[in-house]
Full PDB file with SEQRES, HELIX, SHEET, SSBOND, CRYST1, ORIGX, SCALE, CONECT and MASTER records, all heavy atoms in Angstrom:
SEQRES   1 A   34  VAL SER LEU ALA LEU LEU PHE TYR MET ILE ILE PHE THR          
SEQRES   2 A   34  VAL TYR ALA LEU ASN THR PHE PRO PRO LEU ASN ILE GLU          
SEQRES   3 A   34  ASN ASN VAL TYR GLY PHE THR THR                              
HELIX    1 AA1 SER A    2  THR A   19  1                                  18    
HELIX    2 AA2 ILE A   25  ASN A   27  5                                   3    
HELIX    3 AA3 VAL A   29  THR A   33  1                                   5    
CRYST1    1.000    1.000    1.000  90.00  90.00  90.00 P 1           1          
ORIGX1      1.000000  0.000000  0.000000        0.00000                         
ORIGX2      0.000000  1.000000  0.000000        0.00000                         
ORIGX3      0.000000  0.000000  1.000000        0.00000                         
SCALE1      1.000000  0.000000  0.000000        0.00000                         
SCALE2      0.000000  1.000000  0.000000        0.00000                         
SCALE3      0.000000  0.000000  1.000000        0.00000                         
ATOM      1  N   VAL A   1      86.941  30.315 151.208  1.00  0.00           N  
ATOM      2  CA  VAL A   1      87.009  31.745 150.897  1.00  0.00           C  
ATOM      3  C   VAL A   1      87.108  31.966 149.390  1.00  0.00           C  
ATOM      4  O   VAL A   1      86.567  32.953 148.863  1.00  0.00           O  
ATOM      5  CB  VAL A   1      88.199  32.410 151.628  1.00  0.00           C  
ATOM      6  CG1 VAL A   1      87.990  32.402 153.123  1.00  0.00           C  
ATOM      7  CG2 VAL A   1      89.521  31.753 151.276  1.00  0.00           C  
ATOM      8  N   SER A   2      87.769  31.058 148.673  1.00  0.00           N  
ATOM      9  CA  SER A   2      87.865  31.186 147.222  1.00  0.00           C  
ATOM     10  C   SER A   2      86.491  31.030 146.581  1.00  0.00           C  
ATOM     11  O   SER A   2      86.098  31.814 145.700  1.00  0.00           O  
ATOM     12  CB  SER A   2      88.831  30.135 146.661  1.00  0.00           C  
ATOM     13  OG  SER A   2      90.131  30.305 147.176  1.00  0.00           O  
ATOM     14  N   LEU A   3      85.739  30.034 147.011  1.00  0.00           N  
ATOM     15  CA  LEU A   3      84.400  29.815 146.470  1.00  0.00           C  
ATOM     16  C   LEU A   3      83.463  30.945 146.878  1.00  0.00           C  
ATOM     17  O   LEU A   3      82.594  31.354 146.085  1.00  0.00           O  
ATOM     18  CB  LEU A   3      83.851  28.470 146.950  1.00  0.00           C  
ATOM     19  CG  LEU A   3      84.531  27.227 146.368  1.00  0.00           C  
ATOM     20  CD1 LEU A   3      83.995  25.968 147.033  1.00  0.00           C  
ATOM     21  CD2 LEU A   3      84.339  27.158 144.857  1.00  0.00           C  
ATOM     22  N   ALA A   4      83.615  31.456 148.098  1.00  0.00           N  
ATOM     23  CA  ALA A   4      82.764  32.551 148.556  1.00  0.00           C  
ATOM     24  C   ALA A   4      82.949  33.785 147.680  1.00  0.00           C  
ATOM     25  O   ALA A   4      81.963  34.447 147.295  1.00  0.00           O  
ATOM     26  CB  ALA A   4      83.078  32.886 150.014  1.00  0.00           C  
ATOM     27  N   LEU A   5      84.197  34.112 147.344  1.00  0.00           N  
ATOM     28  CA  LEU A   5      84.454  35.260 146.479  1.00  0.00           C  
ATOM     29  C   LEU A   5      83.884  35.023 145.083  1.00  0.00           C  
ATOM     30  O   LEU A   5      83.275  35.925 144.484  1.00  0.00           O  
ATOM     31  CB  LEU A   5      85.954  35.525 146.390  1.00  0.00           C  
ATOM     32  CG  LEU A   5      86.371  36.701 145.491  1.00  0.00           C  
ATOM     33  CD1 LEU A   5      85.756  38.005 146.000  1.00  0.00           C  
ATOM     34  CD2 LEU A   5      87.889  36.829 145.426  1.00  0.00           C  
ATOM     35  N   LEU A   6      84.052  33.819 144.561  1.00  0.00           N  
ATOM     36  CA  LEU A   6      83.538  33.498 143.227  1.00  0.00           C  
ATOM     37  C   LEU A   6      82.013  33.613 143.188  1.00  0.00           C  
ATOM     38  O   LEU A   6      81.452  34.234 142.265  1.00  0.00           O  
ATOM     39  CB  LEU A   6      83.977  32.081 142.836  1.00  0.00           C  
ATOM     40  CG  LEU A   6      83.469  31.565 141.476  1.00  0.00           C  
ATOM     41  CD1 LEU A   6      84.013  32.443 140.345  1.00  0.00           C  
ATOM     42  CD2 LEU A   6      83.887  30.115 141.274  1.00  0.00           C  
ATOM     43  N   PHE A   7      81.346  33.050 144.193  1.00  0.00           N  
ATOM     44  CA  PHE A   7      79.887  33.103 144.234  1.00  0.00           C  
ATOM     45  C   PHE A   7      79.396  34.544 144.389  1.00  0.00           C  
ATOM     46  O   PHE A   7      78.398  34.940 143.778  1.00  0.00           O  
ATOM     47  CB  PHE A   7      79.351  32.239 145.376  1.00  0.00           C  
ATOM     48  CG  PHE A   7      79.493  30.768 145.123  1.00  0.00           C  
ATOM     49  CD1 PHE A   7      79.598  29.872 146.183  1.00  0.00           C  
ATOM     50  CD2 PHE A   7      79.514  30.256 143.832  1.00  0.00           C  
ATOM     51  CE1 PHE A   7      79.725  28.508 145.958  1.00  0.00           C  
ATOM     52  CE2 PHE A   7      79.640  28.901 143.597  1.00  0.00           C  
ATOM     53  CZ  PHE A   7      79.747  28.024 144.662  1.00  0.00           C  
ATOM     54  N   TYR A   8      80.091  35.331 145.204  1.00  0.00           N  
ATOM     55  CA  TYR A   8      79.700  36.734 145.373  1.00  0.00           C  
ATOM     56  C   TYR A   8      79.765  37.458 144.033  1.00  0.00           C  
ATOM     57  O   TYR A   8      78.822  38.195 143.663  1.00  0.00           O  
ATOM     58  CB  TYR A   8      80.597  37.436 146.383  1.00  0.00           C  
ATOM     59  CG  TYR A   8      80.583  38.940 146.217  1.00  0.00           C  
ATOM     60  CD1 TYR A   8      79.533  39.698 146.716  1.00  0.00           C  
ATOM     61  CD2 TYR A   8      81.607  39.589 145.521  1.00  0.00           C  
ATOM     62  CE1 TYR A   8      79.495  41.078 146.532  1.00  0.00           C  
ATOM     63  CE2 TYR A   8      81.580  40.955 145.334  1.00  0.00           C  
ATOM     64  CZ  TYR A   8      80.523  41.704 145.837  1.00  0.00           C  
ATOM     65  OH  TYR A   8      80.483  43.058 145.635  1.00  0.00           O  
ATOM     66  N   MET A   9      80.876  37.300 143.313  1.00  0.00           N  
ATOM     67  CA  MET A   9      81.041  38.013 142.048  1.00  0.00           C  
ATOM     68  C   MET A   9      79.964  37.612 141.044  1.00  0.00           C  
ATOM     69  O   MET A   9      79.408  38.464 140.338  1.00  0.00           O  
ATOM     70  CB  MET A   9      82.443  37.733 141.483  1.00  0.00           C  
ATOM     71  CG  MET A   9      83.579  38.310 142.322  1.00  0.00           C  
ATOM     72  SD  MET A   9      85.212  37.876 141.675  1.00  0.00           S  
ATOM     73  CE  MET A   9      85.154  38.673 140.071  1.00  0.00           C  
ATOM     74  N   ILE A  10      79.659  36.320 140.986  1.00  0.00           N  
ATOM     75  CA  ILE A  10      78.636  35.855 140.038  1.00  0.00           C  
ATOM     76  C   ILE A  10      77.259  36.373 140.431  1.00  0.00           C  
ATOM     77  O   ILE A  10      76.526  36.944 139.594  1.00  0.00           O  
ATOM     78  CB  ILE A  10      78.634  34.312 139.972  1.00  0.00           C  
ATOM     79  CG1 ILE A  10      79.951  33.802 139.372  1.00  0.00           C  
ATOM     80  CG2 ILE A  10      77.444  33.815 139.152  1.00  0.00           C  
ATOM     81  CD1 ILE A  10      80.088  32.287 139.409  1.00  0.00           C  
ATOM     82  N   ILE A  11      76.892  36.199 141.692  1.00  0.00           N  
ATOM     83  CA  ILE A  11      75.558  36.588 142.156  1.00  0.00           C  
ATOM     84  C   ILE A  11      75.359  38.095 142.074  1.00  0.00           C  
ATOM     85  O   ILE A  11      74.324  38.585 141.586  1.00  0.00           O  
ATOM     86  CB  ILE A  11      75.330  36.089 143.597  1.00  0.00           C  
ATOM     87  CG1 ILE A  11      75.280  34.557 143.618  1.00  0.00           C  
ATOM     88  CG2 ILE A  11      74.037  36.671 144.172  1.00  0.00           C  
ATOM     89  CD1 ILE A  11      75.248  33.961 145.013  1.00  0.00           C  
ATOM     90  N   PHE A  12      76.372  38.875 142.531  1.00  0.00           N  
ATOM     91  CA  PHE A  12      76.232  40.329 142.509  1.00  0.00           C  
ATOM     92  C   PHE A  12      76.166  40.845 141.082  1.00  0.00           C  
ATOM     93  O   PHE A  12      75.402  41.779 140.773  1.00  0.00           O  
ATOM     94  CB  PHE A  12      77.397  40.976 143.251  1.00  0.00           C  
ATOM     95  CG  PHE A  12      77.272  42.460 143.386  1.00  0.00           C  
ATOM     96  CD1 PHE A  12      76.438  43.027 144.358  1.00  0.00           C  
ATOM     97  CD2 PHE A  12      77.959  43.329 142.540  1.00  0.00           C  
ATOM     98  CE1 PHE A  12      76.307  44.400 144.479  1.00  0.00           C  
ATOM     99  CE2 PHE A  12      77.830  44.696 142.660  1.00  0.00           C  
ATOM    100  CZ  PHE A  12      77.008  45.244 143.630  1.00  0.00           C  
ATOM    101  N   THR A  13      76.979  40.250 140.179  1.00  0.00           N  
ATOM    102  CA  THR A  13      76.976  40.683 138.779  1.00  0.00           C  
ATOM    103  C   THR A  13      75.627  40.397 138.126  1.00  0.00           C  
ATOM    104  O   THR A  13      75.050  41.257 137.442  1.00  0.00           O  
ATOM    105  CB  THR A  13      78.099  39.973 138.007  1.00  0.00           C  
ATOM    106  OG1 THR A  13      79.364  40.312 138.594  1.00  0.00           O  
ATOM    107  CG2 THR A  13      78.109  40.407 136.549  1.00  0.00           C  
ATOM    108  N   VAL A  14      75.110  39.185 138.312  1.00  0.00           N  
ATOM    109  CA  VAL A  14      73.813  38.826 137.725  1.00  0.00           C  
ATOM    110  C   VAL A  14      72.713  39.719 138.291  1.00  0.00           C  
ATOM    111  O   VAL A  14      71.842  40.210 137.555  1.00  0.00           O  
ATOM    112  CB  VAL A  14      73.508  37.334 137.988  1.00  0.00           C  
ATOM    113  CG1 VAL A  14      72.072  36.995 137.585  1.00  0.00           C  
ATOM    114  CG2 VAL A  14      74.504  36.448 137.245  1.00  0.00           C  
ATOM    115  N   TYR A  15      72.743  39.958 139.592  1.00  0.00           N  
ATOM    116  CA  TYR A  15      71.726  40.802 140.236  1.00  0.00           C  
ATOM    117  C   TYR A  15      71.782  42.226 139.692  1.00  0.00           C  
ATOM    118  O   TYR A  15      70.747  42.826 139.366  1.00  0.00           O  
ATOM    119  CB  TYR A  15      71.942  40.806 141.744  1.00  0.00           C  
ATOM    120  CG  TYR A  15      71.061  41.772 142.485  1.00  0.00           C  
ATOM    121  CD1 TYR A  15      69.725  41.469 142.737  1.00  0.00           C  
ATOM    122  CD2 TYR A  15      71.565  43.000 142.931  1.00  0.00           C  
ATOM    123  CE1 TYR A  15      68.901  42.365 143.414  1.00  0.00           C  
ATOM    124  CE2 TYR A  15      70.763  43.901 143.602  1.00  0.00           C  
ATOM    125  CZ  TYR A  15      69.435  43.580 143.844  1.00  0.00           C  
ATOM    126  OH  TYR A  15      68.632  44.478 144.515  1.00  0.00           O  
ATOM    127  N   ALA A  16      72.997  42.783 139.610  1.00  0.00           N  
ATOM    128  CA  ALA A  16      73.134  44.170 139.156  1.00  0.00           C  
ATOM    129  C   ALA A  16      72.703  44.328 137.702  1.00  0.00           C  
ATOM    130  O   ALA A  16      72.009  45.291 137.344  1.00  0.00           O  
ATOM    131  CB  ALA A  16      74.581  44.627 139.331  1.00  0.00           C  
ATOM    132  N   LEU A  17      73.094  43.405 136.842  1.00  0.00           N  
ATOM    133  CA  LEU A  17      72.759  43.505 135.421  1.00  0.00           C  
ATOM    134  C   LEU A  17      71.272  43.331 135.168  1.00  0.00           C  
ATOM    135  O   LEU A  17      70.731  43.862 134.188  1.00  0.00           O  
ATOM    136  CB  LEU A  17      73.551  42.464 134.623  1.00  0.00           C  
ATOM    137  CG  LEU A  17      75.071  42.674 134.557  1.00  0.00           C  
ATOM    138  CD1 LEU A  17      75.751  41.523 133.812  1.00  0.00           C  
ATOM    139  CD2 LEU A  17      75.411  44.002 133.889  1.00  0.00           C  
ATOM    140  N   ASN A  18      70.593  42.591 136.024  1.00  0.00           N  
ATOM    141  CA  ASN A  18      69.165  42.334 135.832  1.00  0.00           C  
ATOM    142  C   ASN A  18      68.275  43.284 136.617  1.00  0.00           C  
ATOM    143  O   ASN A  18      67.046  43.272 136.424  1.00  0.00           O  
ATOM    144  CB  ASN A  18      68.831  40.893 136.231  1.00  0.00           C  
ATOM    145  CG  ASN A  18      69.312  39.890 135.218  1.00  0.00           C  
ATOM    146  OD1 ASN A  18      68.665  39.650 134.198  1.00  0.00           O  
ATOM    147  ND2 ASN A  18      70.473  39.298 135.487  1.00  0.00           N  
ATOM    148  N   THR A  19      68.851  44.082 137.505  1.00  0.00           N  
ATOM    149  CA  THR A  19      68.042  44.937 138.376  1.00  0.00           C  
ATOM    150  C   THR A  19      68.201  46.415 138.052  1.00  0.00           C  
ATOM    151  O   THR A  19      67.215  47.155 138.014  1.00  0.00           O  
ATOM    152  CB  THR A  19      68.418  44.700 139.851  1.00  0.00           C  
ATOM    153  OG1 THR A  19      68.267  43.306 140.152  1.00  0.00           O  
ATOM    154  CG2 THR A  19      67.535  45.523 140.771  1.00  0.00           C  
ATOM    155  N   PHE A  20      69.431  46.862 137.815  1.00  0.00           N  
ATOM    156  CA  PHE A  20      69.682  48.282 137.656  1.00  0.00           C  
ATOM    157  C   PHE A  20      69.641  48.672 136.180  1.00  0.00           C  
ATOM    158  O   PHE A  20      69.969  47.860 135.299  1.00  0.00           O  
ATOM    159  CB  PHE A  20      71.038  48.649 138.256  1.00  0.00           C  
ATOM    160  CG  PHE A  20      71.189  48.214 139.693  1.00  0.00           C  
ATOM    161  CD1 PHE A  20      72.359  47.592 140.132  1.00  0.00           C  
ATOM    162  CD2 PHE A  20      70.173  48.441 140.603  1.00  0.00           C  
ATOM    163  CE1 PHE A  20      72.489  47.203 141.444  1.00  0.00           C  
ATOM    164  CE2 PHE A  20      70.305  48.060 141.931  1.00  0.00           C  
ATOM    165  CZ  PHE A  20      71.456  47.426 142.352  1.00  0.00           C  
ATOM    166  N   PRO A  21      69.275  49.935 135.885  1.00  0.00           N  
ATOM    167  CA  PRO A  21      69.204  50.415 134.488  1.00  0.00           C  
ATOM    168  C   PRO A  21      70.579  50.365 133.823  1.00  0.00           C  
ATOM    169  O   PRO A  21      71.585  50.731 134.429  1.00  0.00           O  
ATOM    170  CB  PRO A  21      68.713  51.865 134.629  1.00  0.00           C  
ATOM    171  CG  PRO A  21      68.082  51.928 135.979  1.00  0.00           C  
ATOM    172  CD  PRO A  21      68.816  50.961 136.838  1.00  0.00           C  
ATOM    173  N   PRO A  22      70.642  49.907 132.567  1.00  0.00           N  
ATOM    174  CA  PRO A  22      71.937  49.805 131.875  1.00  0.00           C  
ATOM    175  C   PRO A  22      72.449  51.168 131.409  1.00  0.00           C  
ATOM    176  O   PRO A  22      71.685  52.105 131.224  1.00  0.00           O  
ATOM    177  CB  PRO A  22      71.617  48.892 130.685  1.00  0.00           C  
ATOM    178  CG  PRO A  22      70.168  49.138 130.414  1.00  0.00           C  
ATOM    179  CD  PRO A  22      69.523  49.402 131.745  1.00  0.00           C  
ATOM    180  N   LEU A  23      73.783  51.219 131.249  1.00  0.00           N  
ATOM    181  CA  LEU A  23      74.439  52.393 130.677  1.00  0.00           C  
ATOM    182  C   LEU A  23      74.965  52.041 129.291  1.00  0.00           C  
ATOM    183  O   LEU A  23      75.155  50.871 128.955  1.00  0.00           O  
ATOM    184  CB  LEU A  23      75.606  52.839 131.569  1.00  0.00           C  
ATOM    185  CG  LEU A  23      75.259  53.487 132.913  1.00  0.00           C  
ATOM    186  CD1 LEU A  23      76.536  53.653 133.735  1.00  0.00           C  
ATOM    187  CD2 LEU A  23      74.574  54.826 132.702  1.00  0.00           C  
ATOM    188  N   ASN A  24      75.246  53.076 128.506  1.00  0.00           N  
ATOM    189  CA  ASN A  24      75.819  52.863 127.182  1.00  0.00           C  
ATOM    190  C   ASN A  24      77.310  52.610 127.351  1.00  0.00           C  
ATOM    191  O   ASN A  24      78.074  53.532 127.647  1.00  0.00           O  
ATOM    192  CB  ASN A  24      75.578  54.088 126.294  1.00  0.00           C  
ATOM    193  CG  ASN A  24      76.041  53.832 124.861  1.00  0.00           C  
ATOM    194  OD1 ASN A  24      76.609  52.781 124.555  1.00  0.00           O  
ATOM    195  ND2 ASN A  24      75.785  54.789 123.987  1.00  0.00           N  
ATOM    196  N   ILE A  25      77.724  51.344 127.181  1.00  0.00           N  
ATOM    197  CA  ILE A  25      79.128  50.979 127.438  1.00  0.00           C  
ATOM    198  C   ILE A  25      80.088  51.667 126.486  1.00  0.00           C  
ATOM    199  O   ILE A  25      81.271  51.837 126.792  1.00  0.00           O  
ATOM    200  CB  ILE A  25      79.299  49.445 127.364  1.00  0.00           C  
ATOM    201  CG1 ILE A  25      80.689  49.048 127.914  1.00  0.00           C  
ATOM    202  CG2 ILE A  25      79.125  48.945 125.944  1.00  0.00           C  
ATOM    203  CD1 ILE A  25      80.892  47.561 128.043  1.00  0.00           C  
ATOM    204  N   GLU A  26      79.571  52.094 125.302  1.00  0.00           N  
ATOM    205  CA  GLU A  26      80.451  52.766 124.342  1.00  0.00           C  
ATOM    206  C   GLU A  26      80.992  54.073 124.915  1.00  0.00           C  
ATOM    207  O   GLU A  26      82.058  54.534 124.512  1.00  0.00           O  
ATOM    208  CB  GLU A  26      79.691  53.028 123.039  1.00  0.00           C  
ATOM    209  CG  GLU A  26      79.323  51.749 122.289  1.00  0.00           C  
ATOM    210  CD  GLU A  26      78.584  52.040 120.996  1.00  0.00           C  
ATOM    211  OE1 GLU A  26      78.342  53.235 120.721  1.00  0.00           O  
ATOM    212  OE2 GLU A  26      78.264  51.077 120.278  1.00  0.00           O  
ATOM    213  N   ASN A  27      80.276  54.654 125.836  1.00  0.00           N  
ATOM    214  CA  ASN A  27      80.732  55.899 126.451  1.00  0.00           C  
ATOM    215  C   ASN A  27      81.644  55.663 127.659  1.00  0.00           C  
ATOM    216  O   ASN A  27      82.186  56.617 128.224  1.00  0.00           O  
ATOM    217  CB  ASN A  27      79.526  56.731 126.911  1.00  0.00           C  
ATOM    218  CG  ASN A  27      78.651  57.144 125.743  1.00  0.00           C  
ATOM    219  OD1 ASN A  27      79.148  57.357 124.635  1.00  0.00           O  
ATOM    220  ND2 ASN A  27      77.334  57.254 125.983  1.00  0.00           N  
ATOM    221  N   ASN A  28      81.779  54.393 128.064  1.00  0.00           N  
ATOM    222  CA  ASN A  28      82.566  54.071 129.265  1.00  0.00           C  
ATOM    223  C   ASN A  28      83.621  52.991 129.006  1.00  0.00           C  
ATOM    224  O   ASN A  28      83.980  52.250 129.911  1.00  0.00           O  
ATOM    225  CB  ASN A  28      81.635  53.587 130.388  1.00  0.00           C  
ATOM    226  CG  ASN A  28      80.577  54.603 130.747  1.00  0.00           C  
ATOM    227  OD1 ASN A  28      80.903  55.734 131.073  1.00  0.00           O  
ATOM    228  ND2 ASN A  28      79.319  54.200 130.671  1.00  0.00           N  
ATOM    229  N   VAL A  29      84.068  52.889 127.739  1.00  0.00           N  
ATOM    230  CA  VAL A  29      85.019  51.822 127.395  1.00  0.00           C  
ATOM    231  C   VAL A  29      86.311  51.954 128.202  1.00  0.00           C  
ATOM    232  O   VAL A  29      86.824  50.972 128.753  1.00  0.00           O  
ATOM    233  CB  VAL A  29      85.326  51.840 125.881  1.00  0.00           C  
ATOM    234  CG1 VAL A  29      86.462  50.866 125.556  1.00  0.00           C  
ATOM    235  CG2 VAL A  29      84.081  51.484 125.092  1.00  0.00           C  
ATOM    236  N   TYR A  30      86.826  53.188 128.273  1.00  0.00           N  
ATOM    237  CA  TYR A  30      88.096  53.379 128.995  1.00  0.00           C  
ATOM    238  C   TYR A  30      87.944  53.059 130.473  1.00  0.00           C  
ATOM    239  O   TYR A  30      88.750  52.330 131.058  1.00  0.00           O  
ATOM    240  CB  TYR A  30      88.589  54.813 128.812  1.00  0.00           C  
ATOM    241  CG  TYR A  30      89.840  55.113 129.603  1.00  0.00           C  
ATOM    242  CD1 TYR A  30      91.092  54.664 129.158  1.00  0.00           C  
ATOM    243  CD2 TYR A  30      89.770  55.832 130.799  1.00  0.00           C  
ATOM    244  CE1 TYR A  30      92.239  54.928 129.892  1.00  0.00           C  
ATOM    245  CE2 TYR A  30      90.910  56.088 131.534  1.00  0.00           C  
ATOM    246  CZ  TYR A  30      92.144  55.640 131.082  1.00  0.00           C  
ATOM    247  OH  TYR A  30      93.266  55.894 131.804  1.00  0.00           O  
ATOM    248  N   GLY A  31      86.875  53.586 131.077  1.00  0.00           N  
ATOM    249  CA  GLY A  31      86.653  53.332 132.499  1.00  0.00           C  
ATOM    250  C   GLY A  31      86.416  51.855 132.779  1.00  0.00           C  
ATOM    251  O   GLY A  31      86.936  51.311 133.760  1.00  0.00           O  
ATOM    252  N   PHE A  32      85.643  51.214 131.915  1.00  0.00           N  
ATOM    253  CA  PHE A  32      85.384  49.785 132.104  1.00  0.00           C  
ATOM    254  C   PHE A  32      86.667  48.968 131.966  1.00  0.00           C  
ATOM    255  O   PHE A  32      86.919  48.053 132.748  1.00  0.00           O  
ATOM    256  CB  PHE A  32      84.345  49.299 131.089  1.00  0.00           C  
ATOM    257  CG  PHE A  32      84.119  47.821 131.110  1.00  0.00           C  
ATOM    258  CD1 PHE A  32      83.307  47.242 132.072  1.00  0.00           C  
ATOM    259  CD2 PHE A  32      84.748  46.987 130.182  1.00  0.00           C  
ATOM    260  CE1 PHE A  32      83.105  45.865 132.109  1.00  0.00           C  
ATOM    261  CE2 PHE A  32      84.550  45.614 130.213  1.00  0.00           C  
ATOM    262  CZ  PHE A  32      83.732  45.058 131.179  1.00  0.00           C  
ATOM    263  N   THR A  33      87.480  49.312 130.949  1.00  0.00           N  
ATOM    264  CA  THR A  33      88.718  48.552 130.708  1.00  0.00           C  
ATOM    265  C   THR A  33      89.676  48.653 131.886  1.00  0.00           C  
ATOM    266  O   THR A  33      90.241  47.652 132.345  1.00  0.00           O  
ATOM    267  CB  THR A  33      89.410  49.061 129.430  1.00  0.00           C  
ATOM    268  OG1 THR A  33      88.515  48.938 128.320  1.00  0.00           O  
ATOM    269  CG2 THR A  33      90.675  48.256 129.156  1.00  0.00           C  
ATOM    270  N   THR A  34      89.871  49.871 132.410  1.00  0.00           N  
ATOM    271  CA  THR A  34      90.801  50.036 133.529  1.00  0.00           C  
ATOM    272  C   THR A  34      90.264  49.368 134.800  1.00  0.00           C  
ATOM    273  O   THR A  34      91.019  48.702 135.521  1.00  0.00           O  
ATOM    274  CB  THR A  34      91.053  51.529 133.798  1.00  0.00           C  
ATOM    275  OG1 THR A  34      89.789  52.210 133.978  1.00  0.00           O  
ATOM    276  CG2 THR A  34      91.803  52.176 132.636  1.00  0.00           C  
TER     277      THR A  34                                                      
MASTER        0    0    0    3    0    0    0    6  276    1    0    3          
END                                                                             
């Protein structure tokens, strides 16, 4: 279960960053940090 969660986070993050349009993180620093 530990490896499954780790693999999910890596795969989903890579997929989302490479598939969906990016946002300007400077406008979402507070939301991202929390």
